[in-house]
Amino acid sequence: MGRSVPEFITIGRVIGTWGARGQVKVEMATDFPDRFSPNATVYISHQAMTIEDTAWHKGKAVIKISAIDSPEQAQKLRGQTIEISYDQLRPLPDGQYYHFQLVGLEVWTTGNELLGHITEILTAESNDNYIVSGERGSIFIPAIEDVVKSVDLEAGRMIIEPISGLLTLNQQAT
């Protein structure tokens, strides 16, 4: 099927300013916090920027970006996503996937029933949950081994084993 890959991947979002030197506070959206290390290249509005300094406060990154030197400049970044280029992605272990790789996949049961496409992924402490939208409405599918049987990125397909009650318990009308 040959799915297209995004040019940029979101790793965080600027949620506010911090201090008098133009630092910004970042809500992370990556499992690799070192992406916010000094000298790392990130992209804001598809413009390459270098992180000069990083501190951590209550689980949030506080970063100083080289081109931003005042609170007024930093304020303009509020709400902006922080991204990396696709070629900066790190390989994941077998059986693990980046969210952007899964969104859009067709979801089929082991009984060969098409449920729909993954439209969103909700991250929870215990496991992710896929929101699959199709003719039945939206169904929440837990990303656990007992349910997800295979993922084929090339074919654009995920196969699940619907455990008892799964397809009706979590179903929402669209």
Protein backbone atom coordinates (compact mmCIF):
# COMPACT_ATOMS: atom_id res chain seq x y z
CA MET A 1 0.00 0.00 0.00
CA GLY A 2 2.98 2.33 0.62
CA ARG A 3 1.85 4.87 3.18
CA SER A 4 3.46 8.30 3.10
CA VAL A 5 5.60 9.40 6.01
CA PRO A 6 5.39 12.84 7.56
CA GLU A 7 8.27 15.25 7.08
CA PHE A 8 8.07 16.42 10.72
CA ILE A 9 7.11 14.59 13.92
CA THR A 10 5.76 16.46 16.97
CA ILE A 11 7.79 15.94 20.15
CA GLY A 12 6.27 18.70 22.29
CA ARG A 13 4.26 21.89 22.53
CA VAL A 14 5.19 25.27 24.00
CA ILE A 15 2.81 25.89 26.90
CA GLY A 16 4.25 29.12 28.26
CA THR A 17 7.17 31.41 28.85
CA TRP A 18 9.69 31.07 31.66
CA GLY A 19 12.12 33.61 33.07
CA ALA A 20 13.60 36.80 31.68
CA ARG A 21 15.92 35.31 29.02
CA GLY A 22 13.22 34.03 26.67
CA GLN A 23 12.96 30.43 27.85
CA VAL A 24 9.82 28.44 27.12
CA LYS A 25 8.09 25.68 29.06
CA VAL A 26 7.35 22.57 26.98
CA GLU A 27 4.78 19.79 27.38
CA MET A 28 6.61 16.75 26.03
CA ALA A 29 5.08 14.36 23.51
CA THR A 30 8.02 11.97 23.22
CA ASP A 31 9.41 9.01 25.12
CA PHE A 32 12.89 10.45 24.57
CA PRO A 33 13.35 13.48 26.88
CA ASP A 34 16.94 13.87 25.68
CA ARG A 35 15.48 15.32 22.46
CA PHE A 36 15.44 18.56 24.47
CA SER A 37 19.15 18.43 25.36
CA PRO A 38 21.45 21.41 24.72
CA ASN A 39 22.68 21.59 21.11
CA ALA A 40 19.72 19.52 19.85
CA THR A 41 18.07 20.71 16.65
CA VAL A 42 14.29 21.09 16.76
CA TYR A 43 11.81 22.71 14.41
CA ILE A 44 9.16 25.31 15.17
CA SER A 45 6.94 26.26 12.23
CA HIS A 46 9.29 24.09 10.15
CA GLN A 47 12.21 26.40 10.98
CA ALA A 48 15.32 24.73 12.41
CA MET A 49 16.30 26.00 15.85
CA THR A 50 18.97 24.97 18.32
CA ILE A 51 18.36 24.39 22.01
CA GLU A 52 20.96 26.31 24.03
CA ASP A 53 20.02 25.20 27.52
CA THR A 54 17.57 22.84 29.21
CA ALA A 55 16.19 22.62 32.72
CA TRP A 56 13.36 20.51 34.12
CA HIS A 57 10.48 21.66 36.27
CA LYS A 58 7.67 19.36 37.43
CA GLY A 59 8.08 17.00 34.48
CA LYS A 60 8.19 19.78 31.89
CA ALA A 61 11.21 20.85 29.87
CA VAL A 62 12.23 24.49 30.20
CA ILE A 63 14.34 25.28 27.16
CA LYS A 64 16.28 28.26 25.88
CA ILE A 65 16.23 28.41 22.09
CA SER A 66 19.16 30.20 20.44
CA ALA A 67 17.09 32.70 18.42
CA ILE A 68 14.76 33.67 21.30
CA ASP A 69 16.19 36.20 23.76
CA SER A 70 13.24 37.90 25.46
CA PRO A 71 9.95 36.99 27.13
CA GLU A 72 8.16 38.89 24.34
CA GLN A 73 9.77 36.71 21.66
CA ALA A 74 9.07 33.59 23.72
CA GLN A 75 5.40 34.54 24.12
CA LYS A 76 4.99 34.39 20.33
CA LEU A 77 5.85 30.67 20.51
CA ARG A 78 3.07 29.82 22.96
CA GLY A 79 0.91 27.02 21.56
CA GLN A 80 3.43 26.15 18.83
CA THR A 81 4.45 22.54 18.31
CA ILE A 82 8.07 21.52 18.60
CA GLU A 83 9.05 18.96 16.01
CA ILE A 84 11.93 16.91 14.71
CA SER A 85 12.52 15.91 11.11
CA TYR A 86 11.62 12.40 10.04
CA ASP A 87 15.29 11.49 9.61
CA GLN A 88 15.86 12.22 13.33
CA LEU A 89 13.59 9.31 14.37
CA ARG A 90 15.22 6.55 16.34
CA PRO A 91 14.54 2.92 15.49
CA LEU A 92 12.16 1.24 17.91
CA PRO A 93 12.33 -2.36 19.13
CA ASP A 94 10.29 -4.95 17.23
CA GLY A 95 6.61 -4.68 18.01
CA GLN A 96 6.77 -0.99 18.99
CA TYR A 97 5.54 1.80 16.76
CA TYR A 98 5.36 5.55 16.64
CA HIS A 99 1.80 6.87 16.87
CA PHE A 100 1.96 8.47 13.42
CA GLN A 101 2.69 5.00 11.98
CA LEU A 102 -0.53 3.57 13.44
CA VAL A 103 -3.01 6.37 12.82
CA GLY A 104 -4.83 5.59 9.59
CA LEU A 105 -4.29 1.82 9.68
CA GLU A 106 -7.26 -0.37 8.81
CA VAL A 107 -8.31 -2.54 11.73
CA TRP A 108 -9.54 -6.05 10.95
CA THR A 109 -10.65 -8.82 13.28
CA THR A 110 -9.17 -12.30 13.12
CA GLY A 111 -12.60 -13.24 11.66
CA ASN A 112 -11.85 -10.97 8.66
CA GLU A 113 -14.29 -8.18 9.62
CA LEU A 114 -13.19 -4.61 8.83
CA LEU A 115 -13.86 -2.43 11.90
CA GLY A 116 -12.57 0.83 10.46
CA HIS A 117 -9.42 2.95 10.72
CA ILE A 118 -7.40 4.11 13.71
CA THR A 119 -8.24 7.81 14.00
CA GLU A 120 -6.66 8.62 17.35
CA ILE A 121 -4.49 7.10 20.04
CA LEU A 122 -5.14 7.78 23.71
CA THR A 123 -2.13 7.28 25.94
CA ALA A 124 -2.77 5.87 29.38
CA GLU A 125 -0.45 4.76 32.15
CA SER A 126 -1.13 1.05 31.66
CA ASN A 127 -1.48 0.91 27.85
CA ASP A 128 -2.47 2.95 24.83
CA ASN A 129 -6.00 2.74 23.45
CA TYR A 130 -6.79 3.03 19.76
CA ILE A 131 -9.94 4.80 18.66
CA VAL A 132 -11.18 2.94 15.59
CA SER A 133 -13.84 4.70 13.53
CA GLY A 134 -15.98 2.80 11.07
CA GLU A 135 -19.54 1.78 10.23
CA ARG A 136 -20.19 0.72 13.85
CA GLY A 137 -19.17 4.16 15.13
CA SER A 138 -16.08 4.58 17.29
CA ILE A 139 -14.65 1.62 19.15
CA PHE A 140 -11.92 1.77 21.79
CA ILE A 141 -9.36 -0.98 21.29
CA PRO A 142 -6.76 -1.55 24.03
CA ALA A 143 -3.20 -1.88 22.74
CA ILE A 144 -2.49 -5.13 24.57
CA GLU A 145 -1.06 -8.46 23.38
CA ASP A 146 -4.32 -10.35 24.06
CA VAL A 147 -6.10 -8.08 21.55
CA VAL A 148 -3.58 -6.81 18.97
CA LYS A 149 -2.36 -9.82 17.03
CA SER A 150 -0.38 -8.21 14.20
CA VAL A 151 0.58 -4.90 12.66
CA ASP A 152 1.59 -4.68 9.01
CA LEU A 153 2.67 -1.13 8.21
CA GLU A 154 3.32 -1.93 4.54
CA ALA A 155 -0.20 -3.29 4.06
CA GLY A 156 -1.66 -0.53 6.27
CA ARG A 157 -3.43 -3.07 8.45
CA MET A 158 -3.78 -4.19 12.06
CA ILE A 159 -5.37 -7.50 13.04
CA ILE A 160 -7.12 -7.77 16.41
CA GLU A 161 -8.73 -10.60 18.37
CA PRO A 162 -11.87 -9.07 19.84
CA ILE A 163 -12.08 -10.48 23.34
CA SER A 164 -15.57 -11.07 24.72
CA GLY A 165 -17.66 -7.90 24.75
CA LEU A 166 -14.92 -5.65 23.36
CA LEU A 167 -16.73 -4.52 20.23
CA THR A 168 -19.95 -3.61 22.05
CA LEU A 169 -18.65 -2.52 25.45
CA ASN A 170 -16.49 0.31 24.17
CA GLN A 171 -18.57 1.30 21.15
CA GLN A 172 -19.77 4.88 20.72
CA ALA A 173 -22.12 6.11 18.04
CA THR A 174 -20.72 8.63 15.58
